[in-house]
Amino acid sequence: MSEFTKTNEERLIKLKEVSRLILDTGNAHSFVITNKDFIPSVIPSDFIALFDSLVKEGYPVEDLKKLASKLLNIFHIPIETYPRIESPADSFLAVLEQNNREMVLVLDEIRPVFKAFVKDPENDAFQTELLNKFRQLEVFVKHYTIKENVLFPAIEKAWPDYRCLQIMWSIHDDIRANIKFVIAQLENGSIEIKQFNRCVGDIFFSMMAIKFREEHILFPVIHSTIDEEELQAMNRLGFEIGYPYIQPRNISEEEQVSVADGFINLGTGILKAEQIKLIFNHLPVDITYVDEHDKVQYFSTPPKRIFPRTVAIIGREVKNCHPPESVHVVEKIVESFRSGEKDQASFWIKMKGEFILIQYFAVRDQSGNYKGVIEVSQEISDIKALEGEKRLLDW
């Protein structure tokens, strides 16, 4: 059993005690005075279990974000000095840590420029330099995207107490929003100084706080609960999203996933053939696929098909599927796709009181080789009529 699943119940009780004190009163001075011997005893996994429990108890995420900052201020030293397992070079966690170090360097470059800007906010040169630095910092949000889409799903499978990730994700979003706000203010040249300065301060605090929590809480527990082979496989997934500054070296070819009979490995998921068929036939569009030899190989059968198709079309040359008056258009599209000149063609027509969008997309493999054409047709009257926003479910 891992350290994570054996989190000491007595420590958890004490941590809940101080947490509720902070949530109720805003400070923990009395606890710190009376629990000096307890503070050095905590370990990283205690905080994983604590925040999972508090999330399950229904505390608002905004309150838990504030709590996390105050708690880790109290317990900073024992967490920082807890023995860490160093990640192997070029492993997934090592690359994340390398990118963290690069992020700190960017923050270090921003700091003196920001100080100069605060003294002279009307200085165009300071604004321009600060804008360039924050655009460079914005690249780092890919790090958070990789965590959310590669690391978090693995943690959710491996840990019963994973809900602390909700708090970390929310802080990611705060950082994203603050960086966007700072960049927008600098681009517009109309800066609300107090809000701007507070936003920059929040960025510095939150990014450094997340770095600390990753490297001294999250990653140590990951090392004891997720094996290195699984972590190494995450490197390619991170590479596909795009690491912000430092890329892993020597990424091996993606290993073939062992798939049981009746299942198909699609790279981003493993599905039964029947599931694939259901997915295509429930999309609100007509799909027809023509291969690189100009032969029709597939069409979907949604509940309401716009253009009729029968299985007799399978294997037929695409030029024979269109009337003489329009076949030259189809041939031109196919040849422009095959040559690489174009990748998409769109048409829209009115038919039987409906507004139909017809699109053609070139299909290419990872090397850019032409592999055919997808025709997608859709009735878009309702889409055309959309205005404003709809953010709430109304049924």
Protein backbone atom coordinates (compact mmCIF):
# COMPACT_ATOMS: atom_id res chain seq x y z
CA MET A 1 0.00 0.00 0.00
CA SER A 2 1.24 3.47 -0.81
CA GLU A 3 1.98 6.26 1.61
CA PHE A 4 -0.93 8.06 -0.01
CA THR A 5 -3.50 5.47 1.06
CA LYS A 6 -1.96 5.18 4.54
CA THR A 7 -2.16 8.88 5.35
CA ASN A 8 -2.06 9.07 9.12
CA GLU A 9 -5.58 9.62 10.44
CA GLU A 10 -4.38 11.59 13.44
CA ARG A 11 -2.53 14.09 11.24
CA LEU A 12 -5.58 14.42 9.03
CA ILE A 13 -7.76 15.18 12.05
CA LYS A 14 -5.35 17.91 13.17
CA LEU A 15 -5.18 19.37 9.65
CA LYS A 16 -8.97 19.47 9.48
CA GLU A 17 -8.98 21.24 12.83
CA VAL A 18 -6.68 24.03 11.63
CA SER A 19 -8.47 24.19 8.26
CA ARG A 20 -11.86 24.77 9.85
CA LEU A 21 -10.33 27.34 12.15
CA ILE A 22 -8.98 29.25 9.15
CA LEU A 23 -12.23 28.89 7.19
CA ASP A 24 -14.25 30.15 10.17
CA THR A 25 -11.99 32.91 11.50
CA GLY A 26 -9.49 33.73 8.76
CA ASN A 27 -6.40 32.91 10.86
CA ALA A 28 -4.77 30.06 12.75
CA HIS A 29 -2.64 31.89 15.29
CA SER A 30 -4.02 29.96 18.26
CA PHE A 31 -3.41 26.61 16.54
CA VAL A 32 0.18 27.50 15.65
CA ILE A 33 0.94 28.48 19.25
CA THR A 34 -0.44 25.25 20.72
CA ASN A 35 0.74 22.80 18.03
CA LYS A 36 4.40 23.61 17.47
CA ASP A 37 5.35 19.95 17.78
CA PHE A 38 2.72 18.85 15.26
CA ILE A 39 3.67 21.23 12.43
CA PRO A 40 6.98 19.47 11.52
CA SER A 41 5.26 16.05 11.34
CA VAL A 42 3.15 16.57 8.21
CA ILE A 43 3.99 14.93 4.88
CA PRO A 44 2.88 15.77 1.29
CA SER A 45 0.18 13.11 1.04
CA ASP A 46 -1.58 14.60 4.09
CA PHE A 47 -2.59 17.60 2.00
CA ILE A 48 -3.85 15.42 -0.85
CA ALA A 49 -6.16 13.63 1.60
CA LEU A 50 -7.13 16.83 3.42
CA PHE A 51 -8.31 18.76 0.38
CA ASP A 52 -10.06 15.72 -1.08
CA SER A 53 -12.03 15.49 2.15
CA LEU A 54 -12.84 19.21 2.22
CA VAL A 55 -14.01 19.17 -1.41
CA LYS A 56 -16.28 16.21 -0.62
CA GLU A 57 -17.67 18.13 2.36
CA GLY A 58 -18.83 20.82 -0.06
CA TYR A 59 -16.61 23.78 0.77
CA PRO A 60 -16.53 26.27 -2.15
CA VAL A 61 -13.43 26.06 -4.31
CA GLU A 62 -12.78 29.79 -3.85
CA ASP A 63 -12.60 29.30 -0.08
CA LEU A 64 -10.35 26.26 -0.46
CA LYS A 65 -7.93 28.18 -2.70
CA LYS A 66 -7.49 30.80 0.03
CA LEU A 67 -7.20 28.07 2.65
CA ALA A 68 -4.46 26.30 0.68
CA SER A 69 -2.32 29.44 0.63
CA LYS A 70 -2.68 30.01 4.38
CA LEU A 71 -2.11 26.35 5.27
CA LEU A 72 1.00 26.00 3.17
CA ASN A 73 2.36 29.17 4.71
CA ILE A 74 2.11 27.43 8.09
CA PHE A 75 3.48 24.08 6.89
CA HIS A 76 5.91 25.38 4.27
CA ILE A 77 9.12 24.18 5.92
CA PRO A 78 8.22 20.50 6.56
CA ILE A 79 6.79 20.19 3.06
CA GLU A 80 9.76 21.88 1.40
CA THR A 81 12.28 19.74 3.31
CA TYR A 82 10.43 16.44 2.83
CA PRO A 83 12.76 14.02 0.94
CA ARG A 84 12.02 14.04 -2.78
CA ILE A 85 12.57 11.35 -5.40
CA GLU A 86 14.39 12.93 -8.32
CA SER A 87 12.68 12.25 -11.63
CA PRO A 88 14.84 10.49 -14.25
CA ALA A 89 16.25 12.85 -16.89
CA ASP A 90 13.82 13.51 -19.75
CA SER A 91 11.00 11.73 -17.91
CA PHE A 92 7.56 13.32 -17.93
CA LEU A 93 7.82 14.88 -14.48
CA ALA A 94 11.42 15.97 -15.11
CA VAL A 95 10.36 17.85 -18.24
CA LEU A 96 7.54 19.52 -16.32
CA GLU A 97 10.05 20.62 -13.68
CA GLN A 98 12.43 21.91 -16.36
CA ASN A 99 9.64 24.02 -17.77
CA ASN A 100 8.88 25.29 -14.27
CA ARG A 101 12.47 26.51 -13.99
CA GLU A 102 12.17 28.29 -17.33
CA MET A 103 8.95 29.91 -16.14
CA VAL A 104 10.77 31.28 -13.09
CA LEU A 105 13.41 32.79 -15.37
CA VAL A 106 10.69 34.60 -17.33
CA LEU A 107 9.19 35.92 -14.09
CA ASP A 108 12.66 37.08 -13.06
CA GLU A 109 12.92 38.99 -16.35
CA ILE A 110 9.50 40.57 -15.84
CA ARG A 111 10.19 41.74 -12.28
CA PRO A 112 12.63 44.65 -12.99
CA VAL A 113 10.62 45.81 -16.01
CA PHE A 114 7.44 45.82 -13.93
CA LYS A 115 9.13 47.80 -11.14
CA ALA A 116 10.27 50.40 -13.68
CA PHE A 117 6.77 50.49 -15.19
CA VAL A 118 5.15 51.10 -11.77
CA LYS A 119 7.33 54.18 -11.35
CA ASP A 120 6.59 55.44 -14.86
CA PRO A 121 3.37 53.81 -16.20
CA GLU A 122 3.11 56.22 -19.13
CA ASN A 123 6.48 55.12 -20.54
CA ASP A 124 5.77 53.42 -23.90
CA ALA A 125 9.09 51.55 -23.89
CA PHE A 126 8.31 49.91 -20.54
CA GLN A 127 4.80 48.99 -21.75
CA THR A 128 6.18 47.40 -24.93
CA GLU A 129 8.85 45.43 -23.08
CA LEU A 130 6.37 44.29 -20.47
CA LEU A 131 3.94 43.19 -23.19
CA ASN A 132 6.63 41.08 -24.88
CA LYS A 133 7.59 39.48 -21.57
CA PHE A 134 3.99 38.60 -20.69
CA ARG A 135 3.42 37.14 -24.14
CA GLN A 136 6.42 34.93 -23.44
CA LEU A 137 4.95 34.01 -20.07
CA GLU A 138 1.59 33.20 -21.67
CA VAL A 139 3.27 30.34 -23.55
CA PHE A 140 3.71 28.63 -20.17
CA VAL A 141 -0.03 27.99 -19.81
CA LYS A 142 0.57 24.97 -22.08
CA HIS A 143 2.16 23.44 -18.97
CA TYR A 144 -1.21 23.63 -17.21
CA THR A 145 -3.01 22.25 -20.26
CA ILE A 146 -0.68 19.23 -20.25
CA LYS A 147 -1.33 18.65 -16.56
CA GLU A 148 -5.10 18.87 -17.00
CA ASN A 149 -5.28 16.63 -20.08
CA VAL A 150 -2.45 14.15 -19.50
CA LEU A 151 -1.52 14.01 -15.81
CA PHE A 152 -4.88 14.61 -14.10
CA PRO A 153 -6.69 11.72 -15.87
CA ALA A 154 -3.90 9.35 -14.77
CA ILE A 155 -4.13 10.61 -11.19
CA GLU A 156 -7.92 10.16 -11.17
CA LYS A 157 -7.45 6.52 -12.14
CA ALA A 158 -4.67 5.88 -9.61
CA TRP A 159 -5.89 7.80 -6.55
CA PRO A 160 -9.14 7.39 -4.65
CA ASP A 161 -8.56 10.87 -3.17
CA TYR A 162 -7.99 12.99 -6.27
CA ARG A 163 -10.38 15.91 -5.73
CA CYS A 164 -7.62 18.34 -4.76
CA LEU A 165 -7.05 18.57 -8.53
CA GLN A 166 -10.20 20.69 -8.78
CA ILE A 167 -8.52 23.37 -6.70
CA MET A 168 -5.32 23.27 -8.73
CA TRP A 169 -7.25 23.46 -12.01
CA SER A 170 -9.17 26.48 -10.75
CA ILE A 171 -5.89 28.24 -9.93
CA HIS A 172 -4.64 27.40 -13.44
CA ASP A 173 -7.71 29.19 -14.82
CA ASP A 174 -7.09 32.18 -12.55
CA ILE A 175 -3.56 32.45 -13.93
CA ARG A 176 -4.78 32.18 -17.51
CA ALA A 177 -7.39 34.89 -16.97
CA ASN A 178 -4.94 37.23 -15.24
CA ILE A 179 -2.30 36.87 -17.95
CA LYS A 180 -4.93 37.54 -20.63
CA PHE A 181 -6.09 40.62 -18.73
CA VAL A 182 -2.54 41.99 -18.40
CA ILE A 183 -1.78 41.42 -22.08
CA ALA A 184 -5.09 43.00 -23.17
CA GLN A 185 -4.43 46.08 -21.02
CA LEU A 186 -0.92 46.48 -22.45
CA GLU A 187 -2.12 45.95 -26.02
CA ASN A 188 -4.90 48.52 -25.65
CA GLY A 189 -2.65 51.03 -23.93
CA SER A 190 -5.52 51.89 -21.58
CA ILE A 191 -4.30 50.58 -18.23
CA GLU A 192 -6.29 50.55 -14.99
CA ILE A 193 -3.23 50.88 -12.76
CA LYS A 194 -4.56 49.49 -9.46
CA GLN A 195 -6.27 46.49 -11.03
CA PHE A 196 -3.31 45.93 -13.36
CA ASN A 197 -0.75 45.96 -10.54
CA ARG A 198 -2.88 43.67 -8.38
CA CYS A 199 -3.28 41.28 -11.32
CA VAL A 200 0.48 41.11 -11.92
CA GLY A 201 1.04 40.42 -8.21
CA ASP A 202 -1.55 37.62 -8.31
CA ILE A 203 0.21 36.07 -11.33
CA PHE A 204 3.56 36.00 -9.57
CA PHE A 205 2.08 34.57 -6.36
CA SER A 206 -0.11 31.93 -8.02
CA MET A 207 2.49 30.66 -10.50
CA MET A 208 5.12 30.25 -7.81
CA ALA A 209 2.56 28.65 -5.46
CA ILE A 210 1.53 26.11 -8.11
CA LYS A 211 5.18 25.32 -8.83
CA PHE A 212 5.79 24.63 -5.13
CA ARG A 213 2.68 22.46 -4.82
CA GLU A 214 3.59 20.47 -7.91
CA GLU A 215 7.18 19.77 -6.95
CA HIS A 216 6.73 19.29 -3.19
CA ILE A 217 3.27 17.75 -2.88
CA LEU A 218 1.86 16.47 -6.17
CA PHE A 219 4.97 14.95 -7.77
CA PRO A 220 6.30 13.17 -4.63
CA VAL A 221 2.94 11.42 -4.20
CA ILE A 222 2.82 10.59 -7.92
CA HIS A 223 6.22 8.89 -7.65
CA SER A 224 4.86 6.54 -5.00
CA THR A 225 1.58 5.75 -6.77
CA ILE A 226 2.14 5.78 -10.55
CA ASP A 227 4.93 3.68 -12.08
CA GLU A 228 7.67 5.27 -14.16
CA GLU A 229 6.74 3.36 -17.32
CA GLU A 230 3.28 4.93 -17.30
CA LEU A 231 4.75 8.35 -16.61
CA GLN A 232 7.21 7.94 -19.48
CA ALA A 233 4.34 7.17 -21.85
CA MET A 234 2.86 10.56 -20.94
CA ASN A 235 5.80 12.35 -22.53
CA ARG A 236 4.47 11.75 -26.03
CA LEU A 237 1.02 12.98 -25.04
CA GLY A 238 2.59 16.12 -23.61
CA PHE A 239 4.64 16.51 -26.77
CA GLU A 240 1.47 16.35 -28.88
CA ILE A 241 -0.04 19.23 -26.88
CA GLY A 242 3.30 21.07 -26.93
CA TYR A 243 5.52 21.78 -23.94
CA PRO A 244 5.98 25.53 -23.36
CA TYR A 245 9.76 25.92 -23.34
CA ILE A 246 11.65 22.63 -22.90
CA GLN A 247 10.84 19.59 -25.03
CA PRO A 248 11.68 16.00 -24.02
CA ARG A 249 14.54 14.45 -25.96
CA ASN A 250 14.58 11.03 -27.59
CA ILE A 251 10.86 10.41 -27.69
CA SER A 252 10.57 6.85 -28.92
CA GLU A 253 7.98 5.79 -31.46
CA GLU A 254 4.60 5.40 -29.81
CA GLU A 255 4.19 1.83 -28.67
CA GLN A 256 1.35 -0.13 -30.18
CA VAL A 257 -1.46 -0.58 -27.69
CA SER A 258 -2.46 -4.17 -27.15
CA VAL A 259 -6.10 -4.31 -28.22
CA ALA A 260 -8.45 -7.20 -27.59
CA ASP A 261 -10.50 -8.75 -30.38
CA GLY A 262 -13.38 -6.54 -31.45
CA PHE A 263 -11.68 -3.31 -30.43
CA ILE A 264 -9.85 -0.76 -32.60
CA ASN A 265 -7.04 1.48 -31.36
CA LEU A 266 -7.75 5.01 -32.65
CA GLY A 267 -4.74 6.58 -30.99
CA THR A 268 -6.90 8.80 -28.78
CA GLY A 269 -9.14 5.99 -27.61
CA ILE A 270 -9.98 2.31 -28.01
CA LEU A 271 -13.48 1.58 -29.26
CA LYS A 272 -15.51 -1.31 -30.55
CA ALA A 273 -16.36 -1.18 -34.26
CA GLU A 274 -20.02 -0.93 -33.29
CA GLN A 275 -19.29 2.12 -31.11
CA ILE A 276 -17.48 3.83 -34.00
CA LYS A 277 -20.45 3.13 -36.26
CA LEU A 278 -22.87 4.58 -33.70
CA ILE A 279 -20.76 7.72 -33.25
CA PHE A 280 -20.63 8.48 -36.97
CA ASN A 281 -24.32 7.76 -37.45
CA HIS A 282 -25.36 10.04 -34.59
CA LEU A 283 -23.45 13.08 -35.82
CA PRO A 284 -25.91 15.66 -37.28
CA VAL A 285 -24.08 15.64 -40.63
CA ASP A 286 -23.78 13.52 -43.78
CA ILE A 287 -20.24 12.14 -44.15
CA THR A 288 -18.81 10.48 -47.26
CA TYR A 289 -15.18 9.35 -47.56
CA VAL A 290 -13.39 8.96 -50.89
CA ASP A 291 -9.92 7.38 -50.73
CA GLU A 292 -6.71 8.47 -52.48
CA HIS A 293 -7.65 6.33 -55.49
CA ASP A 294 -10.87 8.34 -55.96
CA LYS A 295 -13.05 5.44 -54.83
CA VAL A 296 -15.96 5.91 -52.42
CA GLN A 297 -15.19 3.82 -49.34
CA TYR A 298 -17.68 4.94 -46.67
CA PHE A 299 -20.78 7.00 -45.93
CA SER A 300 -22.61 7.63 -42.67
CA THR A 301 -26.31 7.02 -42.13
CA PRO A 302 -27.65 9.67 -39.73
CA PRO A 303 -31.39 9.64 -38.92
CA LYS A 304 -32.00 12.27 -41.59
CA ARG A 305 -29.63 12.12 -44.54
CA ILE A 306 -29.56 15.17 -46.82
CA PHE A 307 -28.29 13.40 -49.93
CA PRO A 308 -29.35 9.77 -50.45
CA ARG A 309 -26.71 7.04 -50.53
CA THR A 310 -26.86 3.25 -50.84
CA VAL A 311 -24.14 0.64 -50.37
CA ALA A 312 -24.05 0.31 -54.17
CA ILE A 313 -21.87 3.43 -54.15
CA ILE A 314 -19.04 1.71 -52.23
CA GLY A 315 -16.04 1.20 -54.53
CA ARG A 316 -17.47 3.50 -57.17
CA GLU A 317 -15.29 6.21 -58.72
CA VAL A 318 -16.27 9.57 -57.33
CA LYS A 319 -16.52 11.15 -60.78
CA ASN A 320 -19.32 8.71 -61.62
CA CYS A 321 -21.31 9.83 -58.57
CA HIS A 322 -22.06 13.31 -59.93
CA PRO A 323 -23.99 14.61 -62.94
CA PRO A 324 -21.95 15.74 -65.98
CA GLU A 325 -22.73 19.40 -65.28
CA SER A 326 -20.90 19.37 -61.91
CA VAL A 327 -18.34 16.58 -62.22
CA HIS A 328 -15.66 19.02 -63.37
CA VAL A 329 -15.98 20.89 -60.05
CA VAL A 330 -15.48 17.67 -58.09
CA GLU A 331 -12.45 16.74 -60.19
CA LYS A 332 -10.92 20.19 -59.65
CA ILE A 333 -11.38 19.90 -55.88
CA VAL A 334 -9.82 16.43 -55.79
CA GLU A 335 -6.82 17.45 -57.89
CA SER A 336 -6.20 20.61 -55.85
CA PHE A 337 -6.27 18.51 -52.68
CA ARG A 338 -4.02 15.86 -54.20
CA SER A 339 -1.44 18.44 -55.28
CA GLY A 340 -1.46 20.13 -51.89
CA GLU A 341 -2.67 23.42 -53.35
CA LYS A 342 -5.86 23.43 -51.23
CA ASP A 343 -7.20 21.66 -48.14
CA GLN A 344 -10.84 22.74 -48.01
CA ALA A 345 -13.72 23.78 -50.26
CA SER A 346 -17.16 25.00 -49.15
CA PHE A 347 -20.52 25.50 -50.87
CA TRP A 348 -23.99 26.38 -49.58
CA ILE A 349 -27.34 25.92 -51.27
CA LYS A 350 -31.06 26.26 -50.55
CA MET A 351 -33.00 23.06 -51.06
CA LYS A 352 -36.58 22.19 -50.11
CA GLY A 353 -36.75 25.10 -47.67
CA GLU A 354 -33.50 24.17 -45.96
CA PHE A 355 -30.08 25.84 -45.97
CA ILE A 356 -27.39 23.26 -46.71
CA LEU A 357 -23.65 23.68 -46.10
CA ILE A 358 -21.49 21.30 -48.15
CA GLN A 359 -17.79 21.08 -47.30
CA TYR A 360 -14.89 19.06 -48.66
CA PHE A 361 -11.76 18.40 -46.58
CA ALA A 362 -8.47 16.90 -47.74
CA VAL A 363 -7.35 13.87 -45.72
CA ARG A 364 -3.60 13.55 -45.17
CA ASP A 365 -1.46 11.23 -43.06
CA GLN A 366 1.12 12.40 -40.52
CA SER A 367 3.69 12.83 -43.30
CA GLY A 368 1.33 15.02 -45.33
CA ASN A 369 0.61 12.38 -47.97
CA TYR A 370 -2.79 12.69 -49.63
CA LYS A 371 -5.20 10.00 -48.42
CA GLY A 372 -8.50 11.14 -49.87
CA VAL A 373 -11.43 13.50 -49.34
CA ILE A 374 -14.19 13.79 -46.75
CA GLU A 375 -17.47 15.35 -47.86
CA VAL A 376 -19.53 16.77 -44.99
CA SER A 377 -23.05 18.12 -45.54
CA GLN A 378 -25.17 19.79 -42.87
CA GLU A 379 -28.50 21.60 -42.60
CA ILE A 380 -27.55 24.87 -40.86
CA SER A 381 -30.72 26.99 -40.73
CA ASP A 382 -30.79 26.82 -36.91
CA ILE A 383 -27.07 27.56 -36.69
CA LYS A 384 -27.43 30.56 -38.99
CA ALA A 385 -30.17 31.96 -36.80
CA LEU A 386 -28.11 31.92 -33.59
CA GLU A 387 -27.47 35.26 -31.89
CA GLY A 388 -25.93 36.39 -28.61
CA GLU A 389 -25.01 33.64 -26.13
CA LYS A 390 -26.66 30.69 -24.43
CA ARG A 391 -24.88 29.51 -21.30
CA LEU A 392 -27.71 27.84 -19.37
CA LEU A 393 -29.67 24.66 -19.99
CA ASP A 394 -33.31 25.54 -20.66
CA TRP A 395 -34.92 22.12 -20.66
